[in-house]
Amino acid sequence: MGITYNITEDYLYQQGKETRNREIIVKMLKDKILSTEKIAEILDVTVDYVEQVAKELKK
């Protein structure tokens, strides 16, 4: 009987995914081509999260 492991549920995988999403959001916000709503839709994150990243960029 083998061990089954779902990598997508792993904490470090999730942390890496969040870090990468943030990097992509920053690049998209700097390009100023897409709205925060569209960025959130593309990356499957909340609009609030995109707005939070945008707010941090302005600091």
N, C-alpha and C. Protein backbone atom coordinates (compact mmCIF):
# COMPACT_ATOMS: atom_id res chain seq x y z
N MET A 1 0.84 -1.17 0.00
CA MET A 1 0.00 0.00 0.00
C MET A 1 0.89 1.24 0.00
N GLY A 2 0.75 2.08 -1.02
CA GLY A 2 1.56 3.27 -1.16
C GLY A 2 1.01 4.46 -0.40
N ILE A 3 1.85 5.44 -0.26
CA ILE A 3 1.45 6.67 0.40
C ILE A 3 0.95 7.65 -0.66
N THR A 4 -0.19 8.26 -0.40
CA THR A 4 -0.75 9.25 -1.30
C THR A 4 -0.56 10.63 -0.67
N TYR A 5 -0.02 11.55 -1.46
CA TYR A 5 0.24 12.89 -0.95
C TYR A 5 -0.21 13.91 -1.99
N ASN A 6 -1.09 14.79 -1.59
CA ASN A 6 -1.58 15.84 -2.48
C ASN A 6 -0.74 17.09 -2.26
N ILE A 7 0.17 17.35 -3.18
CA ILE A 7 1.10 18.48 -3.04
C ILE A 7 0.37 19.82 -2.99
N THR A 8 -0.77 19.93 -3.67
CA THR A 8 -1.46 21.21 -3.70
C THR A 8 -2.03 21.62 -2.35
N GLU A 9 -2.11 20.69 -1.43
CA GLU A 9 -2.58 21.00 -0.08
C GLU A 9 -1.43 21.28 0.89
N ASP A 10 -0.22 21.16 0.42
CA ASP A 10 0.96 21.36 1.26
C ASP A 10 1.12 22.84 1.60
N TYR A 11 1.49 23.13 2.85
CA TYR A 11 1.65 24.50 3.32
C TYR A 11 2.69 25.27 2.50
N LEU A 12 3.83 24.66 2.26
CA LEU A 12 4.89 25.35 1.52
C LEU A 12 4.49 25.58 0.06
N TYR A 13 3.76 24.66 -0.51
CA TYR A 13 3.25 24.84 -1.88
C TYR A 13 2.32 26.04 -1.91
N GLN A 14 1.40 26.12 -0.96
CA GLN A 14 0.46 27.23 -0.88
C GLN A 14 1.18 28.56 -0.68
N GLN A 15 2.19 28.56 0.17
CA GLN A 15 2.96 29.78 0.43
C GLN A 15 3.69 30.23 -0.84
N GLY A 16 4.26 29.30 -1.56
CA GLY A 16 4.94 29.62 -2.81
C GLY A 16 3.98 30.15 -3.86
N LYS A 17 2.80 29.57 -3.92
CA LYS A 17 1.78 30.01 -4.87
C LYS A 17 1.34 31.44 -4.54
N GLU A 18 1.16 31.72 -3.26
CA GLU A 18 0.75 33.07 -2.85
C GLU A 18 1.84 34.09 -3.18
N THR A 19 3.09 33.72 -2.94
CA THR A 19 4.21 34.61 -3.24
C THR A 19 4.26 34.91 -4.74
N ARG A 20 4.09 33.88 -5.55
CA ARG A 20 4.13 34.06 -7.00
C ARG A 20 2.94 34.90 -7.48
N ASN A 21 1.76 34.65 -6.93
CA ASN A 21 0.61 35.46 -7.30
C ASN A 21 0.84 36.93 -6.98
N ARG A 22 1.45 37.18 -5.84
CA ARG A 22 1.72 38.57 -5.44
C ARG A 22 2.68 39.23 -6.42
N GLU A 23 3.72 38.50 -6.84
CA GLU A 23 4.68 39.03 -7.81
C GLU A 23 3.99 39.37 -9.13
N ILE A 24 3.09 38.51 -9.55
CA ILE A 24 2.35 38.74 -10.80
C ILE A 24 1.43 39.94 -10.66
N ILE A 25 0.76 40.04 -9.52
CA ILE A 25 -0.14 41.18 -9.27
C ILE A 25 0.63 42.49 -9.33
N VAL A 26 1.80 42.52 -8.71
CA VAL A 26 2.63 43.73 -8.72
C VAL A 26 2.97 44.12 -10.16
N LYS A 27 3.38 43.16 -10.96
CA LYS A 27 3.72 43.46 -12.36
C LYS A 27 2.52 43.97 -13.13
N MET A 28 1.37 43.35 -12.92
CA MET A 28 0.16 43.77 -13.62
C MET A 28 -0.28 45.16 -13.19
N LEU A 29 -0.17 45.46 -11.91
CA LEU A 29 -0.56 46.78 -11.41
C LEU A 29 0.38 47.85 -11.96
N LYS A 30 1.66 47.54 -12.06
CA LYS A 30 2.62 48.51 -12.59
C LYS A 30 2.37 48.80 -14.07
N ASP A 31 1.89 47.82 -14.81
CA ASP A 31 1.58 48.02 -16.23
C ASP A 31 0.34 48.89 -16.43
N LYS A 32 -0.53 48.91 -15.44
CA LYS A 32 -1.75 49.73 -15.45
C LYS A 32 -2.64 49.46 -16.66
N ILE A 33 -2.65 48.22 -17.12
CA ILE A 33 -3.48 47.86 -18.27
C ILE A 33 -4.82 47.28 -17.82
N LEU A 34 -4.76 46.46 -16.76
CA LEU A 34 -5.96 45.76 -16.30
C LEU A 34 -6.48 46.36 -15.00
N SER A 35 -7.77 46.23 -14.80
CA SER A 35 -8.39 46.69 -13.56
C SER A 35 -8.09 45.68 -12.44
N THR A 36 -8.27 46.12 -11.22
CA THR A 36 -8.06 45.21 -10.09
C THR A 36 -9.02 44.03 -10.15
N GLU A 37 -10.22 44.27 -10.63
CA GLU A 37 -11.21 43.20 -10.76
C GLU A 37 -10.76 42.15 -11.76
N LYS A 38 -10.21 42.60 -12.89
CA LYS A 38 -9.77 41.67 -13.92
C LYS A 38 -8.54 40.88 -13.44
N ILE A 39 -7.63 41.54 -12.74
CA ILE A 39 -6.45 40.85 -12.19
C ILE A 39 -6.90 39.77 -11.22
N ALA A 40 -7.84 40.11 -10.35
CA ALA A 40 -8.35 39.14 -9.37
C ALA A 40 -8.99 37.96 -10.08
N GLU A 41 -9.73 38.23 -11.12
CA GLU A 41 -10.39 37.17 -11.87
C GLU A 41 -9.37 36.24 -12.54
N ILE A 42 -8.37 36.82 -13.16
CA ILE A 42 -7.36 36.03 -13.86
C ILE A 42 -6.59 35.13 -12.90
N LEU A 43 -6.21 35.67 -11.73
CA LEU A 43 -5.39 34.91 -10.78
C LEU A 43 -6.21 34.14 -9.75
N ASP A 44 -7.52 34.26 -9.84
CA ASP A 44 -8.42 33.56 -8.92
C ASP A 44 -8.12 33.92 -7.47
N VAL A 45 -8.01 35.23 -7.22
CA VAL A 45 -7.85 35.77 -5.87
C VAL A 45 -8.95 36.81 -5.66
N THR A 46 -9.07 37.30 -4.46
CA THR A 46 -10.11 38.29 -4.18
C THR A 46 -9.67 39.69 -4.64
N VAL A 47 -10.65 40.50 -4.94
CA VAL A 47 -10.39 41.89 -5.31
C VAL A 47 -9.74 42.60 -4.13
N ASP A 48 -10.18 42.27 -2.91
CA ASP A 48 -9.59 42.88 -1.71
C ASP A 48 -8.10 42.60 -1.63
N TYR A 49 -7.68 41.39 -1.99
CA TYR A 49 -6.26 41.05 -1.94
C TYR A 49 -5.47 41.88 -2.96
N VAL A 50 -6.01 42.03 -4.16
CA VAL A 50 -5.34 42.84 -5.19
C VAL A 50 -5.25 44.29 -4.72
N GLU A 51 -6.32 44.80 -4.13
CA GLU A 51 -6.32 46.18 -3.63
C GLU A 51 -5.33 46.36 -2.48
N GLN A 52 -5.19 45.32 -1.65
CA GLN A 52 -4.24 45.38 -0.55
C GLN A 52 -2.81 45.47 -1.10
N VAL A 53 -2.51 44.68 -2.12
CA VAL A 53 -1.18 44.73 -2.74
C VAL A 53 -0.95 46.10 -3.37
N ALA A 54 -1.96 46.63 -4.03
CA ALA A 54 -1.86 47.95 -4.66
C ALA A 54 -1.59 49.02 -3.61
N LYS A 55 -2.26 48.92 -2.48
CA LYS A 55 -2.07 49.89 -1.40
C LYS A 55 -0.64 49.83 -0.86
N GLU A 56 -0.11 48.61 -0.73
CA GLU A 56 1.26 48.44 -0.25
C GLU A 56 2.27 49.01 -1.24
N LEU A 57 1.97 48.95 -2.52
CA LEU A 57 2.87 49.49 -3.54
C LEU A 57 2.97 51.01 -3.45
N LYS A 58 1.88 51.64 -3.06
CA LYS A 58 1.84 53.10 -3.00
C LYS A 58 2.63 53.66 -1.83
N LYS A 59 2.95 52.83 -0.86
CA LYS A 59 3.67 53.29 0.33
C LYS A 59 5.10 53.64 0.03
